[in-house]
């Protein structure tokens, strides 16, 4: 028996698959994280103030907290420019951008469920 080709994921047990998905969902948990991601998909680079305006219901403190968590998880990158006042920009890392197809598939899955709600 040969080894798996480079880049091929190892086979999962039900327990390891469930743990892996739970960990991924944990990184996306947070009232505003998904909305932040959708504002950054497609290579968008957004200033902090642009994100504040785009998501008016979020407090500045919560937006900062959610962005920091996404940055710590390697999903979002940040650059601070040495200006007065400081300019801070956010964008998705390549790994963060790779979430787009998975979230699109999840959205389509949810939409199919909504379509079935009236048929049941």
C-alpha atoms as a PDB file:
ATOM      1  CA  UNK A   1       0.000   0.000   0.000  1.00  0.00           C
ATOM      2  CA  UNK A   2       1.342   3.400  -0.935  1.00  0.00           C
ATOM      3  CA  UNK A   3       1.065   6.608   1.002  1.00  0.00           C
ATOM      4  CA  UNK A   4      -1.459   9.311   0.169  1.00  0.00           C
ATOM      5  CA  UNK A   5      -0.433  11.771  -2.542  1.00  0.00           C
ATOM      6  CA  UNK A   6       0.988  15.029  -1.242  1.00  0.00           C
ATOM      7  CA  UNK A   7      -1.821  17.425  -0.372  1.00  0.00           C
ATOM      8  CA  UNK A   8      -4.417  14.676   0.072  1.00  0.00           C
ATOM      9  CA  UNK A   9      -6.099  14.773   3.476  1.00  0.00           C
ATOM     10  CA  UNK A  10      -5.949  11.694   5.659  1.00  0.00           C
ATOM     11  CA  UNK A  11      -9.129   9.675   6.059  1.00  0.00           C
ATOM     12  CA  UNK A  12     -11.179  10.717   9.052  1.00  0.00           C
ATOM     13  CA  UNK A  13     -13.088   8.740  11.584  1.00  0.00           C
ATOM     14  CA  UNK A  14     -16.551  10.056  12.434  1.00  0.00           C
ATOM     15  CA  UNK A  15     -15.123  11.475  15.662  1.00  0.00           C
ATOM     16  CA  UNK A  16     -12.150  13.208  14.022  1.00  0.00           C
ATOM     17  CA  UNK A  17     -14.376  14.597  11.244  1.00  0.00           C
ATOM     18  CA  UNK A  18     -16.845  15.965  13.797  1.00  0.00           C
ATOM     19  CA  UNK A  19     -14.015  17.486  15.851  1.00  0.00           C
ATOM     20  CA  UNK A  20     -12.485  19.087  12.758  1.00  0.00           C
ATOM     21  CA  UNK A  21     -15.777  20.652  11.685  1.00  0.00           C
ATOM     22  CA  UNK A  22     -16.504  21.812  15.247  1.00  0.00           C
ATOM     23  CA  UNK A  23     -13.107  23.517  15.330  1.00  0.00           C
ATOM     24  CA  UNK A  24     -13.745  25.249  12.013  1.00  0.00           C
ATOM     25  CA  UNK A  25     -17.191  26.400  13.113  1.00  0.00           C
ATOM     26  CA  UNK A  26     -15.649  27.651  16.357  1.00  0.00           C
ATOM     27  CA  UNK A  27     -13.384  29.978  14.383  1.00  0.00           C
ATOM     28  CA  UNK A  28     -16.449  31.455  12.652  1.00  0.00           C
ATOM     29  CA  UNK A  29     -18.600  31.780  15.765  1.00  0.00           C
ATOM     30  CA  UNK A  30     -19.298  35.332  16.722  1.00  0.00           C
ATOM     31  CA  UNK A  31     -22.178  37.656  16.004  1.00  0.00           C
ATOM     32  CA  UNK A  32     -20.350  39.597  13.260  1.00  0.00           C
ATOM     33  CA  UNK A  33     -17.605  37.325  11.894  1.00  0.00           C
ATOM     34  CA  UNK A  34     -19.525  35.965   8.923  1.00  0.00           C
ATOM     35  CA  UNK A  35     -20.714  39.414   7.914  1.00  0.00           C
ATOM     36  CA  UNK A  36     -17.137  40.719   8.159  1.00  0.00           C
ATOM     37  CA  UNK A  37     -15.957  37.852   5.944  1.00  0.00           C
ATOM     38  CA  UNK A  38     -18.575  38.561   3.291  1.00  0.00           C
ATOM     39  CA  UNK A  39     -17.424  42.202   3.189  1.00  0.00           C
ATOM     40  CA  UNK A  40     -13.853  41.016   2.578  1.00  0.00           C
ATOM     41  CA  UNK A  41     -14.412  38.190   0.075  1.00  0.00           C
ATOM     42  CA  UNK A  42     -13.193  38.690  -3.469  1.00  0.00           C
ATOM     43  CA  UNK A  43      -9.925  40.325  -2.490  1.00  0.00           C
ATOM     44  CA  UNK A  44     -11.557  43.356  -0.892  1.00  0.00           C
ATOM     45  CA  UNK A  45      -9.283  45.479   1.296  1.00  0.00           C
ATOM     46  CA  UNK A  46     -11.315  47.516   3.750  1.00  0.00           C
ATOM     47  CA  UNK A  47     -10.343  50.200   6.176  1.00  0.00           C
ATOM     48  CA  UNK A  48     -11.641  49.833   9.704  1.00  0.00           C
ATOM     49  CA  UNK A  49     -13.920  52.836   9.222  1.00  0.00           C
ATOM     50  CA  UNK A  50     -15.374  51.267   6.045  1.00  0.00           C
ATOM     51  CA  UNK A  51     -16.242  48.110   7.950  1.00  0.00           C
ATOM     52  CA  UNK A  52     -17.849  50.220  10.697  1.00  0.00           C
ATOM     53  CA  UNK A  53     -20.040  51.961   8.125  1.00  0.00           C
ATOM     54  CA  UNK A  54     -20.833  48.710   6.293  1.00  0.00           C
ATOM     55  CA  UNK A  55     -22.017  47.032   9.512  1.00  0.00           C
ATOM     56  CA  UNK A  56     -23.771  49.867  11.377  1.00  0.00           C
ATOM     57  CA  UNK A  57     -25.272  47.663  14.109  1.00  0.00           C
ATOM     58  CA  UNK A  58     -21.866  46.528  15.428  1.00  0.00           C
ATOM     59  CA  UNK A  59     -20.132  48.518  18.159  1.00  0.00           C
ATOM     60  CA  UNK A  60     -16.558  49.637  17.613  1.00  0.00           C
ATOM     61  CA  UNK A  61     -15.407  47.477  20.535  1.00  0.00           C
ATOM     62  CA  UNK A  62     -17.114  44.360  19.145  1.00  0.00           C
ATOM     63  CA  UNK A  63     -15.816  44.969  15.627  1.00  0.00           C
ATOM     64  CA  UNK A  64     -12.273  45.254  16.965  1.00  0.00           C
ATOM     65  CA  UNK A  65     -12.720  42.075  19.021  1.00  0.00           C
ATOM     66  CA  UNK A  66     -14.115  40.050  16.114  1.00  0.00           C
ATOM     67  CA  UNK A  67     -11.396  41.276  13.723  1.00  0.00           C
ATOM     68  CA  UNK A  68      -8.677  40.419  16.251  1.00  0.00           C
ATOM     69  CA  UNK A  69     -10.050  36.894  16.660  1.00  0.00           C
ATOM     70  CA  UNK A  70     -10.180  36.408  12.893  1.00  0.00           C
ATOM     71  CA  UNK A  71      -6.623  37.713  12.662  1.00  0.00           C
ATOM     72  CA  UNK A  72      -5.417  35.383  15.434  1.00  0.00           C
ATOM     73  CA  UNK A  73      -6.975  32.450  13.577  1.00  0.00           C
ATOM     74  CA  UNK A  74      -5.124  33.414  10.380  1.00  0.00           C
ATOM     75  CA  UNK A  75      -8.296  34.231   8.443  1.00  0.00           C
ATOM     76  CA  UNK A  76      -7.856  38.013   8.259  1.00  0.00           C
ATOM     77  CA  UNK A  77      -4.686  40.078   7.893  1.00  0.00           C
ATOM     78  CA  UNK A  78      -4.207  43.649   9.087  1.00  0.00           C
ATOM     79  CA  UNK A  79      -1.882  46.486   8.177  1.00  0.00           C
ATOM     80  CA  UNK A  80      -1.459  49.638  10.266  1.00  0.00           C
ATOM     81  CA  UNK A  81      -0.034  52.643   8.439  1.00  0.00           C
ATOM     82  CA  UNK A  82       2.125  55.026  10.470  1.00  0.00           C
ATOM     83  CA  UNK A  83      -0.071  58.054   9.875  1.00  0.00           C
ATOM     84  CA  UNK A  84      -1.995  60.457  12.056  1.00  0.00           C
ATOM     85  CA  UNK A  85      -4.719  59.433  12.478  1.00  0.00           C
ATOM     86  CA  UNK A  86      -3.630  55.822  11.971  1.00  0.00           C
ATOM     87  CA  UNK A  87      -5.047  54.043   8.942  1.00  0.00           C
ATOM     88  CA  UNK A  88      -5.795  50.349   9.462  1.00  0.00           C
ATOM     89  CA  UNK A  89      -6.707  48.029   6.594  1.00  0.00           C
ATOM     90  CA  UNK A  90      -8.040  44.477   6.689  1.00  0.00           C
ATOM     91  CA  UNK A  91      -8.200  41.756   4.044  1.00  0.00           C
ATOM     92  CA  UNK A  92      -8.574  38.002   3.900  1.00  0.00           C
ATOM     93  CA  UNK A  93      -5.511  35.820   3.866  1.00  0.00           C
ATOM     94  CA  UNK A  94      -5.368  33.208   1.105  1.00  0.00           C
ATOM     95  CA  UNK A  95      -6.574  30.696   3.686  1.00  0.00           C
ATOM     96  CA  UNK A  96      -9.434  33.002   4.668  1.00  0.00           C
ATOM     97  CA  UNK A  97     -10.371  33.546   1.022  1.00  0.00           C
ATOM     98  CA  UNK A  98     -10.525  29.765   0.588  1.00  0.00           C
ATOM     99  CA  UNK A  99     -13.563  29.799   2.903  1.00  0.00           C
ATOM    100  CA  UNK A 100     -15.662  31.434   0.176  1.00  0.00           C
ATOM    101  CA  UNK A 101     -16.656  28.231  -1.699  1.00  0.00           C
ATOM    102  CA  UNK A 102     -17.475  26.442   1.560  1.00  0.00           C
ATOM    103  CA  UNK A 103     -19.657  29.302   2.792  1.00  0.00           C
ATOM    104  CA  UNK A 104     -21.322  29.620  -0.618  1.00  0.00           C
ATOM    105  CA  UNK A 105     -22.143  25.888  -0.485  1.00  0.00           C
ATOM    106  CA  UNK A 106     -23.520  26.279   3.042  1.00  0.00           C
ATOM    107  CA  UNK A 107     -25.659  29.230   1.927  1.00  0.00           C
ATOM    108  CA  UNK A 108     -27.054  27.212  -0.986  1.00  0.00           C
ATOM    109  CA  UNK A 109     -27.764  24.339   1.404  1.00  0.00           C
ATOM    110  CA  UNK A 110     -29.647  26.712   3.738  1.00  0.00           C
ATOM    111  CA  UNK A 111     -31.602  28.191   0.832  1.00  0.00           C
ATOM    112  CA  UNK A 112     -32.708  24.707  -0.231  1.00  0.00           C
ATOM    113  CA  UNK A 113     -34.013  24.149   3.303  1.00  0.00           C
ATOM    114  CA  UNK A 114     -35.926  27.431   3.200  1.00  0.00           C
ATOM    115  CA  UNK A 115     -37.497  26.326  -0.071  1.00  0.00           C
ATOM    116  CA  UNK A 116     -38.658  23.079   1.559  1.00  0.00           C
ATOM    117  CA  UNK A 117     -40.176  24.808   4.614  1.00  0.00           C
ATOM    118  CA  UNK A 118     -43.458  25.563   2.819  1.00  0.00           C
ATOM    119  CA  UNK A 119     -43.621  22.104   1.226  1.00  0.00           C
ATOM    120  CA  UNK A 120     -43.437  20.147   4.473  1.00  0.00           C
END
